[in-house]
Amino acid sequence: MFPNSILGRPPFAPNHQQHNNFFTLSPALYSHQQLIDAQFNFQNADLSRAVSLQQLTYGNVSPIQTSASPLFRGRKLSDEKNLPLEGKRQRFHSPHQEPTLINQIVPLSGERRYSMPPLFQTHYVPDVVRCAPPFREIPFLEPREITLPEAKDKLSQQILELFETCQQQISDLKKKELCRTQLQREIQLLFPQSRLFLVGSSLNGFGTHTSDGDLCLVVKEEPVNQKTEARHILTLVHKHFCTRLSGYIERPQLIRAKVPIVKFRDKVSCVEFDLNVNNIVGIRNTFLLRTYAYLENRVRPLVLVIKKWASHHQINDASRGTLNSYSLVLMVLHYLQTLPEPILPSLQKIYPESFSPAIQLHLVHQAPCNVPPYLSKNESNLGDLLLGFLKYYATEFDWNSQMISVREAKAIPRPDGIEWRNKYICVEEPFDGTNTARAVHEKQKFDMIKDQFLKSWHRLKNKRDLNSILPLRTAILKR
């Protein structure tokens, strides 16, 4: 139905699953020990040895080459000045080279199949409850094929034309998946038990041809302190990108925000990526949204045109105090759930076990496979749905007392917690219950958003032409 390979391509053969010393430490010891070992791996990793065991190739480019590489100049490495003092005198195949942890754990190419290697060696008593289950190789599957809705009126035809021109293609997704696969292999040199997930619009079905790639690095299935642990982990990843992977990664930047990320551009696919650490809820909601995206054939075209509309009117930028794309998608789903004859149900109510926030990460990809298409009695066309969406948020939804809830499939009263108090827009995150629209914290920006809904509704109602609220030529050029 969709690419499941984001769960990784596990490196070890089944016999390695029987070792009893490969366990995750308890939370009290995990963070400190993990970072120490990751720092050790970074300082002592002999990448030439690692590549000799598993040659890395990426498209027509090999990010790390063992010969005729610009990284080598005569007998010295060009980036040798960046190596720690104790590593500068080591050479590939040197008889005096001591085996490092990396050399011991990187498997032969034929063995990269099953369970993950340990994050670090430990002699502590294992916590069996916290042990991650072994990985299984999952084939790269195509998205579920669904027939696009009919467009008998001009407005619906314009929406479909925009969707078909701007939607993300399978080839776009495969480029991102290829980059994710190679980066996971590289990052596992620092954190051998980590996993790299492709998340967000690239995978949830609502991406466009030019959508950036969002990556989530999972080092443990527990919360990570974003100010300390995540920042330290990303510092090591950023340094690894700068010193080892400059051949196919450019402009890596460490952004020390509330949720820190590493931004970079892949030279081969020309895709911009954002990489975070342990945003587990982002993985869960990616598969929830993907299920909604392919549940009914009007959902994806409607979401795409609304995202384009919001971007054109400058109300789709959380960094500037307006709505992020995730909140916009939830607003569209909520509207489709609350129609007199709903087009979408609440998946979390109908399939509580498949979309439980407690389900283990290695199982989340299975949920969409078990959900059949939803058959709605509502036969509204795309043009009417777009007009209804604008009218709903312009005149019907009570911003002062209601919260948007896709989980409940209805508008519910605002909670009385601090996070919801004095907030202009409240959109419930379906898994952790936080406010996804908290970036809208200025009344001026909130009034601008409401005003745009109202003006666009009036214009579209009068002209029934998408160009009246979203110039098609401009939207297609910015695809």
Protein backbone atom coordinates (compact mmCIF):
# COMPACT_ATOMS: atom_id res chain seq x y z
CA MET A 1 0.00 0.00 0.00
CA PHE A 2 2.86 2.35 0.76
CA PRO A 3 6.61 2.32 1.39
CA ASN A 4 7.17 0.42 4.60
CA SER A 5 10.92 0.34 4.27
CA ILE A 6 11.36 3.28 6.60
CA LEU A 7 11.67 0.71 9.36
CA GLY A 8 15.21 0.14 8.20
CA ARG A 9 17.26 -2.59 6.64
CA PRO A 10 18.56 -4.47 9.66
CA PRO A 11 22.15 -5.54 9.55
CA PHE A 12 22.64 -8.77 11.49
CA ALA A 13 21.80 -12.38 10.65
CA PRO A 14 19.43 -14.33 12.94
CA ASN A 15 22.18 -15.97 14.97
CA HIS A 16 23.09 -12.58 16.39
CA GLN A 17 19.64 -12.29 17.88
CA GLN A 18 20.59 -14.95 20.41
CA HIS A 19 23.30 -12.89 22.12
CA ASN A 20 22.19 -11.91 25.59
CA ASN A 21 24.50 -8.93 25.99
CA PHE A 22 22.68 -6.75 23.45
CA PHE A 23 20.21 -4.86 25.59
CA THR A 24 19.00 -1.37 26.23
CA LEU A 25 20.01 0.18 29.53
CA SER A 26 17.46 1.43 31.98
CA PRO A 27 16.43 5.07 31.46
CA ALA A 28 18.61 6.28 34.32
CA LEU A 29 21.77 5.01 32.62
CA TYR A 30 20.79 5.17 28.97
CA SER A 31 21.39 8.79 28.04
CA HIS A 32 24.81 9.25 29.64
CA GLN A 33 26.23 5.94 28.44
CA GLN A 34 24.76 6.34 24.97
CA LEU A 35 26.35 9.72 24.39
CA ILE A 36 29.71 8.58 25.71
CA ASP A 37 29.71 5.64 23.31
CA ALA A 38 28.52 7.76 20.41
CA GLN A 39 31.33 10.23 21.04
CA PHE A 40 33.77 7.31 21.21
CA ASN A 41 32.41 5.93 17.93
CA PHE A 42 32.78 9.29 16.22
CA GLN A 43 36.36 9.82 17.39
CA ASN A 44 37.61 6.31 16.69
CA ALA A 45 35.62 5.10 13.70
CA ASP A 46 37.91 4.02 10.84
CA LEU A 47 35.57 4.63 7.94
CA SER A 48 37.92 3.07 5.43
CA ARG A 49 37.62 -0.21 7.30
CA ALA A 50 33.83 0.18 7.55
CA VAL A 51 33.50 0.79 3.82
CA SER A 52 35.70 -2.17 2.98
CA LEU A 53 33.19 -4.35 4.79
CA GLN A 54 30.15 -2.69 3.24
CA GLN A 55 30.68 -0.47 0.19
CA LEU A 56 28.22 2.42 0.21
CA THR A 57 26.79 3.62 -3.07
CA TYR A 58 24.16 6.24 -3.67
CA GLY A 59 22.78 6.61 -7.18
CA ASN A 60 25.79 7.31 -9.38
CA VAL A 61 27.73 8.73 -6.45
CA SER A 62 29.64 6.90 -3.76
CA PRO A 63 29.60 9.12 -0.67
CA ILE A 64 32.70 7.43 0.73
CA GLN A 65 35.25 5.92 -1.63
CA THR A 66 38.19 3.73 -0.82
CA SER A 67 40.31 4.81 -3.78
CA ALA A 68 40.76 7.80 -6.08
CA SER A 69 38.80 9.83 -3.57
CA PRO A 70 39.21 13.58 -3.06
CA LEU A 71 39.36 12.79 0.66
CA PHE A 72 42.84 11.38 0.13
CA ARG A 73 45.85 13.52 -0.77
CA GLY A 74 49.05 11.50 -0.96
CA ARG A 75 49.59 9.74 2.33
CA LYS A 76 47.48 12.09 4.42
CA LEU A 77 43.76 12.54 4.70
CA SER A 78 42.57 15.97 3.66
CA ASP A 79 40.31 16.14 6.69
CA GLU A 80 42.93 14.68 9.02
CA LYS A 81 43.15 17.95 10.86
CA ASN A 82 39.62 17.25 12.11
CA LEU A 83 40.56 13.91 13.63
CA PRO A 84 41.45 13.56 17.31
CA LEU A 85 45.16 13.31 18.12
CA GLU A 86 45.02 9.61 18.94
CA GLY A 87 43.47 8.86 15.53
CA LYS A 88 45.80 10.83 13.29
CA ARG A 89 48.53 8.23 13.03
CA GLN A 90 46.22 5.32 12.20
CA ARG A 91 46.21 4.06 8.64
CA PHE A 92 44.05 1.60 6.76
CA HIS A 93 45.48 -1.95 7.17
CA SER A 94 48.04 -0.63 9.64
CA PRO A 95 49.46 -3.56 11.64
CA HIS A 96 49.47 -1.34 14.72
CA GLN A 97 45.82 -0.36 14.43
CA GLU A 98 43.71 -1.50 17.34
CA PRO A 99 40.24 -2.76 16.42
CA THR A 100 37.58 -0.23 17.39
CA LEU A 101 34.00 -0.79 18.42
CA ILE A 102 32.89 0.20 14.92
CA ASN A 103 35.11 -2.39 13.26
CA GLN A 104 33.73 -5.06 15.53
CA ILE A 105 30.08 -4.37 14.86
CA VAL A 106 29.89 -3.47 11.15
CA PRO A 107 28.77 -6.72 9.46
CA LEU A 108 29.61 -8.14 6.08
CA SER A 109 27.25 -7.04 3.31
CA GLY A 110 25.50 -10.40 3.16
CA GLU A 111 24.62 -10.18 6.83
CA ARG A 112 22.72 -6.85 6.77
CA ARG A 113 19.26 -8.35 7.16
CA TYR A 114 17.66 -8.96 10.48
CA SER A 115 17.97 -7.56 13.99
CA MET A 116 19.71 -4.34 14.93
CA PRO A 117 23.18 -4.37 16.53
CA PRO A 118 23.55 -3.09 20.09
CA LEU A 119 23.72 0.61 20.78
CA PHE A 120 26.66 -0.19 23.01
CA GLN A 121 28.14 -3.14 24.86
CA THR A 122 26.97 -3.48 28.46
CA HIS A 123 27.37 -5.83 31.39
CA TYR A 124 24.29 -4.59 33.20
CA VAL A 125 21.44 -6.97 33.95
CA PRO A 126 19.11 -6.70 30.93
CA ASP A 127 15.67 -5.18 31.24
CA VAL A 128 13.70 -7.66 29.15
CA VAL A 129 10.62 -5.43 29.02
CA ARG A 130 12.58 -2.67 27.30
CA CYS A 131 14.34 -4.83 24.74
CA ALA A 132 13.44 -3.82 21.21
CA PRO A 133 12.02 -6.71 19.17
CA PRO A 134 14.03 -7.88 16.16
CA PHE A 135 13.47 -6.14 12.86
CA ARG A 136 11.98 -7.81 9.82
CA GLU A 137 12.83 -6.95 6.24
CA ILE A 138 9.75 -5.26 4.71
CA PRO A 139 9.46 -4.77 0.94
CA PHE A 140 9.08 -1.33 -0.61
CA LEU A 141 5.38 -1.22 -1.51
CA GLU A 142 3.58 1.20 -3.78
CA PRO A 143 0.73 3.39 -2.45
CA ARG A 144 -2.77 2.06 -2.75
CA GLU A 145 -4.19 2.93 -6.14
CA ILE A 146 -7.45 4.84 -5.89
CA THR A 147 -9.49 6.38 -8.68
CA LEU A 148 -9.66 10.17 -8.57
CA PRO A 149 -13.12 11.69 -8.17
CA GLU A 150 -15.08 12.92 -11.15
CA ALA A 151 -15.00 16.65 -11.92
CA LYS A 152 -18.09 17.82 -13.78
CA ASP A 153 -17.90 21.52 -12.88
CA LYS A 154 -15.17 24.07 -13.56
CA LEU A 155 -14.06 24.55 -9.95
CA SER A 156 -13.68 20.81 -9.32
CA GLN A 157 -11.76 20.43 -12.58
CA GLN A 158 -9.35 23.19 -11.49
CA ILE A 159 -8.75 21.48 -8.16
CA LEU A 160 -8.03 18.15 -9.86
CA GLU A 161 -5.73 19.76 -12.39
CA LEU A 162 -3.76 21.42 -9.62
CA PHE A 163 -3.56 18.15 -7.68
CA GLU A 164 -2.38 16.06 -10.62
CA THR A 165 0.25 18.62 -11.53
CA CYS A 166 1.65 19.23 -8.07
CA GLN A 167 1.25 15.96 -6.16
CA GLN A 168 4.35 14.08 -5.06
CA GLN A 169 5.27 11.32 -7.50
CA ILE A 170 6.45 7.82 -6.61
CA SER A 171 9.86 8.73 -8.06
CA ASP A 172 10.09 11.67 -5.62
CA LEU A 173 9.35 9.39 -2.69
CA LYS A 174 11.88 6.78 -3.81
CA LYS A 175 14.62 9.43 -3.94
CA LYS A 176 13.90 10.36 -0.33
CA GLU A 177 13.75 6.72 0.70
CA LEU A 178 17.12 6.03 -0.92
CA CYS A 179 18.68 8.92 0.96
CA ARG A 180 17.10 7.75 4.22
CA THR A 181 18.52 4.26 3.73
CA GLN A 182 22.05 5.51 3.20
CA LEU A 183 21.89 8.00 6.05
CA GLN A 184 20.60 5.36 8.45
CA ARG A 185 23.62 3.22 7.61
CA GLU A 186 25.92 6.16 8.26
CA ILE A 187 24.28 7.25 11.51
CA GLN A 188 24.45 3.68 12.79
CA LEU A 189 28.22 4.12 12.84
CA LEU A 190 27.58 6.54 15.71
CA PHE A 191 24.45 4.97 17.22
CA PRO A 192 24.38 1.33 16.06
CA GLN A 193 20.93 0.56 17.49
CA SER A 194 19.26 3.69 16.11
CA ARG A 195 16.63 3.82 13.37
CA LEU A 196 15.90 6.57 10.88
CA PHE A 197 12.27 7.13 9.83
CA LEU A 198 10.88 9.14 6.94
CA VAL A 199 7.93 11.09 8.33
CA GLY A 200 5.65 14.02 7.55
CA SER A 201 4.20 15.04 4.20
CA SER A 202 6.69 12.93 2.21
CA LEU A 203 5.06 9.76 3.50
CA ASN A 204 1.62 10.72 4.82
CA GLY A 205 0.12 11.11 1.34
CA PHE A 206 -0.21 14.90 1.41
CA GLY A 207 3.16 15.83 -0.08
CA THR A 208 3.84 17.82 -3.23
CA HIS A 209 6.53 17.51 -5.87
CA THR A 210 8.71 19.99 -3.97
CA SER A 211 7.98 18.88 -0.39
CA ASP A 212 11.00 18.79 1.90
CA GLY A 213 11.90 15.53 3.58
CA ASP A 214 11.40 15.09 7.33
CA LEU A 215 13.48 12.48 9.13
CA CYS A 216 13.17 11.24 12.68
CA LEU A 217 16.16 9.59 14.33
CA VAL A 218 15.02 7.18 17.05
CA VAL A 219 17.69 6.24 19.55
CA LYS A 220 15.28 4.73 22.10
CA GLU A 221 11.54 4.29 22.41
CA GLU A 222 11.35 6.66 25.36
CA PRO A 223 11.15 10.44 25.71
CA VAL A 224 14.37 12.34 25.06
CA ASN A 225 15.17 15.68 26.65
CA GLN A 226 15.21 18.00 23.64
CA LYS A 227 17.33 20.66 25.35
CA THR A 228 20.12 18.33 26.43
CA GLU A 229 20.10 14.80 25.00
CA ALA A 230 18.64 15.61 21.57
CA ARG A 231 20.93 18.60 21.11
CA HIS A 232 24.00 16.56 22.04
CA ILE A 233 23.01 13.72 19.70
CA LEU A 234 22.40 16.11 16.81
CA THR A 235 25.73 17.82 17.47
CA LEU A 236 27.47 14.50 16.83
CA VAL A 237 25.32 13.83 13.74
CA HIS A 238 26.01 17.32 12.39
CA LYS A 239 29.74 16.89 12.91
CA HIS A 240 29.61 13.51 11.16
CA PHE A 241 27.81 15.07 8.20
CA CYS A 242 30.32 17.91 7.95
CA THR A 243 33.46 15.82 8.20
CA ARG A 244 32.56 12.48 6.61
CA LEU A 245 29.66 13.04 4.22
CA SER A 246 30.48 16.32 2.50
CA GLY A 247 30.61 14.40 -0.80
CA TYR A 248 26.83 14.17 -1.03
CA ILE A 249 25.45 16.36 1.77
CA GLU A 250 25.68 20.12 1.62
CA ARG A 251 24.75 23.00 3.90
CA PRO A 252 24.26 20.97 7.10
CA GLN A 253 23.06 23.31 9.85
CA LEU A 254 22.32 22.56 13.49
CA ILE A 255 19.27 24.59 14.50
CA ARG A 256 19.16 24.93 18.30
CA ALA A 257 15.41 25.52 18.60
CA LYS A 258 12.98 24.25 21.23
CA VAL A 259 12.97 21.03 19.21
CA PRO A 260 16.48 21.03 17.68
CA ILE A 261 16.99 19.80 14.12
CA VAL A 262 19.76 19.34 11.59
CA LYS A 263 18.90 20.89 8.22
CA PHE A 264 20.77 19.75 5.13
CA ARG A 265 20.47 19.25 1.38
CA ASP A 266 21.08 15.98 -0.43
CA LYS A 267 23.19 16.73 -3.51
CA VAL A 268 21.98 13.70 -5.44
CA SER A 269 18.20 14.12 -5.10
CA CYS A 270 18.39 17.90 -4.48
CA VAL A 271 15.92 17.44 -1.59
CA GLU A 272 16.07 19.56 1.57
CA PHE A 273 15.81 17.53 4.78
CA ASP A 274 15.08 18.28 8.45
CA LEU A 275 16.28 15.68 10.94
CA ASN A 276 15.02 15.54 14.53
CA VAL A 277 15.57 13.13 17.41
CA ASN A 278 12.92 10.88 18.95
CA ASN A 279 9.80 12.71 17.78
CA ILE A 280 7.92 9.45 18.23
CA VAL A 281 4.49 11.05 17.88
CA GLY A 282 5.54 12.29 14.44
CA ILE A 283 5.99 8.68 13.32
CA ARG A 284 2.62 7.64 14.66
CA ASN A 285 0.68 10.53 13.12
CA THR A 286 2.41 10.00 9.76
CA PHE A 287 0.73 6.60 9.43
CA LEU A 288 -2.58 7.86 10.82
CA LEU A 289 -2.68 10.66 8.25
CA ARG A 290 -1.60 8.31 5.48
CA THR A 291 -4.57 6.09 6.26
CA TYR A 292 -6.92 9.09 6.06
CA ALA A 293 -5.26 10.21 2.81
CA TYR A 294 -6.11 6.96 1.01
CA LEU A 295 -9.39 6.28 2.79
CA GLU A 296 -11.49 8.40 0.42
CA ASN A 297 -10.55 9.73 -3.01
CA ARG A 298 -11.50 13.37 -2.36
CA VAL A 299 -9.24 13.83 0.64
CA ARG A 300 -5.83 14.32 -1.01
CA PRO A 301 -6.92 16.78 -3.75
CA LEU A 302 -8.81 18.87 -1.19
CA VAL A 303 -5.88 18.98 1.25
CA LEU A 304 -3.41 19.94 -1.48
CA VAL A 305 -5.48 22.86 -2.79
CA ILE A 306 -6.06 24.16 0.76
CA LYS A 307 -2.36 23.99 1.58
CA LYS A 308 -1.60 25.88 -1.65
CA TRP A 309 -4.28 28.45 -0.83
CA ALA A 310 -2.96 28.98 2.70
CA SER A 311 0.61 29.32 1.48
CA HIS A 312 -0.41 31.85 -1.20
CA HIS A 313 -2.13 34.00 1.44
CA GLN A 314 0.80 33.67 3.86
CA ILE A 315 -1.09 31.88 6.64
CA ASN A 316 0.87 28.61 6.36
CA ASP A 317 4.11 29.36 8.19
CA ALA A 318 4.49 28.51 11.87
CA SER A 319 7.82 30.38 12.03
CA ARG A 320 5.85 33.57 11.31
CA GLY A 321 3.08 32.88 13.80
CA THR A 322 0.55 31.29 11.45
CA LEU A 323 -0.64 27.72 10.82
CA ASN A 324 1.72 24.86 10.11
CA SER A 325 0.82 22.33 7.41
CA TYR A 326 0.05 19.61 9.94
CA SER A 327 -2.61 21.77 11.61
CA LEU A 328 -4.12 22.60 8.22
CA VAL A 329 -4.40 18.90 7.35
CA LEU A 330 -6.10 18.19 10.68
CA MET A 331 -8.50 21.08 10.04
CA VAL A 332 -9.47 19.59 6.67
CA LEU A 333 -9.96 16.10 8.14
CA HIS A 334 -12.05 17.55 10.98
CA TYR A 335 -14.28 19.40 8.51
CA LEU A 336 -14.84 16.22 6.48
CA GLN A 337 -15.73 14.37 9.69
CA THR A 338 -18.29 16.95 10.84
CA LEU A 339 -20.40 17.26 7.69
CA PRO A 340 -24.11 16.29 8.09
CA GLU A 341 -23.20 13.22 6.04
CA PRO A 342 -19.55 12.63 7.02
CA ILE A 343 -16.96 11.84 4.37
CA LEU A 344 -14.48 10.55 6.97
CA PRO A 345 -14.93 8.71 10.30
CA SER A 346 -12.68 8.72 13.35
CA LEU A 347 -10.16 5.98 12.65
CA GLN A 348 -9.05 5.97 16.28
CA LYS A 349 -12.60 5.16 17.39
CA ILE A 350 -13.24 2.47 14.78
CA TYR A 351 -9.77 0.86 14.99
CA PRO A 352 -8.52 1.64 18.53
CA GLU A 353 -5.98 -1.19 18.54
CA SER A 354 -4.43 -0.22 15.20
CA PHE A 355 -3.97 3.43 16.17
CA SER A 356 -3.23 3.14 19.86
CA PRO A 357 -0.53 5.56 21.09
CA ALA A 358 0.96 2.60 22.94
CA ILE A 359 1.58 0.42 19.89
CA GLN A 360 5.28 -0.37 19.36
CA LEU A 361 7.07 1.46 16.57
CA HIS A 362 7.92 -1.67 14.60
CA LEU A 363 4.18 -2.30 14.23
CA VAL A 364 2.85 1.15 13.29
CA HIS A 365 3.32 0.56 9.55
CA GLN A 366 0.86 -2.33 9.62
CA ALA A 367 -2.18 -0.28 10.68
CA PRO A 368 -3.03 1.30 7.29
CA CYS A 369 -2.89 -2.10 5.61
CA ASN A 370 -5.79 -3.32 7.75
CA VAL A 371 -8.15 -0.40 7.02
CA PRO A 372 -10.43 -0.73 3.96
CA PRO A 373 -11.61 2.30 1.95
CA TYR A 374 -14.46 4.24 3.55
CA LEU A 375 -17.75 4.35 1.65
CA SER A 376 -19.50 7.65 2.32
CA LYS A 377 -23.03 8.53 1.21
CA ASN A 378 -21.93 12.14 0.76
CA GLU A 379 -21.55 12.83 -2.97
CA SER A 380 -20.38 16.45 -2.77
CA ASN A 381 -17.88 17.43 -5.46
CA LEU A 382 -14.47 18.95 -4.76
CA GLY A 383 -15.64 22.49 -5.54
CA ASP A 384 -18.49 22.32 -3.04
CA LEU A 385 -16.19 20.81 -0.40
CA LEU A 386 -13.62 23.59 -0.81
CA LEU A 387 -16.34 26.22 -0.52
CA GLY A 388 -17.82 24.45 2.51
CA PHE A 389 -14.42 24.25 4.21
CA LEU A 390 -13.90 28.00 3.91
CA LYS A 391 -17.44 28.73 5.11
CA TYR A 392 -17.13 26.36 8.10
CA TYR A 393 -14.08 28.10 9.54
CA ALA A 394 -15.26 31.58 8.49
CA THR A 395 -18.75 31.47 9.98
CA GLU A 396 -19.56 28.25 11.85
CA PHE A 397 -16.65 27.12 13.99
CA ASP A 398 -16.46 28.75 17.44
CA TRP A 399 -12.79 29.66 17.84
CA ASN A 400 -13.28 31.00 21.38
CA SER A 401 -14.64 27.89 23.07
CA GLN A 402 -14.08 24.92 20.74
CA MET A 403 -11.14 22.68 19.93
CA ILE A 404 -10.64 20.78 16.66
CA SER A 405 -10.43 17.05 17.38
CA VAL A 406 -9.85 14.47 14.64
CA ARG A 407 -9.61 11.83 17.34
CA GLU A 408 -13.22 12.51 18.42
CA ALA A 409 -14.41 13.45 14.89
CA LYS A 410 -16.09 16.57 16.26
CA ALA A 411 -15.48 19.96 17.83
CA ILE A 412 -15.07 19.55 21.57
CA PRO A 413 -14.87 22.08 24.43
CA ARG A 414 -11.43 23.47 25.10
CA PRO A 415 -9.57 21.92 28.04
CA ASP A 416 -8.78 24.18 30.95
CA GLY A 417 -5.04 23.43 31.00
CA ILE A 418 -2.29 26.02 30.64
CA GLU A 419 -1.47 24.90 27.11
CA TRP A 420 -4.99 25.73 25.94
CA ARG A 421 -5.64 28.85 27.95
CA ASN A 422 -5.51 32.15 26.05
CA LYS A 423 -4.74 30.38 22.77
CA TYR A 424 -6.34 31.69 19.60
CA ILE A 425 -6.51 28.38 17.70
CA CYS A 426 -6.73 24.96 19.32
CA VAL A 427 -6.08 21.86 17.21
CA GLU A 428 -5.67 18.62 19.16
CA GLU A 429 -2.77 16.34 18.24
CA PRO A 430 -4.47 12.93 17.85
CA PHE A 431 -1.93 10.97 19.90
CA ASP A 432 -0.41 13.12 22.64
CA GLY A 433 -3.22 15.68 23.00
CA THR A 434 -1.03 18.77 22.58
CA ASN A 435 -2.00 21.89 20.62
CA THR A 436 -0.53 21.67 17.11
CA ALA A 437 -1.52 25.31 16.39
CA ARG A 438 0.26 26.85 19.36
CA ALA A 439 2.44 28.91 16.98
CA VAL A 440 -0.54 31.23 16.46
CA HIS A 441 0.06 33.29 19.59
CA GLU A 442 -0.59 36.84 18.33
CA LYS A 443 -4.08 38.27 17.90
CA GLN A 444 -3.00 40.11 14.77
CA LYS A 445 -2.00 36.84 13.05
CA PHE A 446 -5.16 35.12 14.25
CA ASP A 447 -7.33 37.94 12.86
CA MET A 448 -5.43 37.71 9.56
CA ILE A 449 -6.18 33.97 9.34
CA LYS A 450 -9.89 34.43 10.08
CA ASP A 451 -10.10 37.33 7.65
CA GLN A 452 -8.58 35.23 4.87
CA PHE A 453 -11.13 32.46 5.41
CA LEU A 454 -13.99 34.95 5.21
CA LYS A 455 -12.73 36.88 2.17
CA SER A 456 -11.88 33.72 0.23
CA TRP A 457 -15.28 32.22 0.98
CA HIS A 458 -17.09 35.27 -0.37
CA ARG A 459 -14.93 35.46 -3.51
CA LEU A 460 -15.20 31.77 -4.32
CA LYS A 461 -18.95 31.70 -3.65
CA ASN A 462 -19.49 34.56 -6.11
CA LYS A 463 -17.17 33.48 -8.93
CA ARG A 464 -16.82 29.68 -8.56
CA ASP A 465 -13.34 30.06 -10.05
CA LEU A 466 -10.24 28.88 -8.19
CA ASN A 467 -8.23 31.73 -9.70
CA SER A 468 -10.26 34.17 -7.61
CA ILE A 469 -8.57 32.92 -4.43
CA LEU A 470 -5.51 31.05 -5.78
CA PRO A 471 -3.92 31.97 -9.13
CA LEU A 472 -3.41 28.57 -10.75
CA ARG A 473 -0.40 29.60 -12.81
CA THR A 474 1.41 30.85 -9.71
CA ALA A 475 0.46 27.77 -7.68
CA ILE A 476 1.70 25.38 -10.39
CA LEU A 477 4.98 27.25 -10.83
CA LYS A 478 5.58 26.92 -7.07
CA ARG A 479 4.79 23.22 -7.07
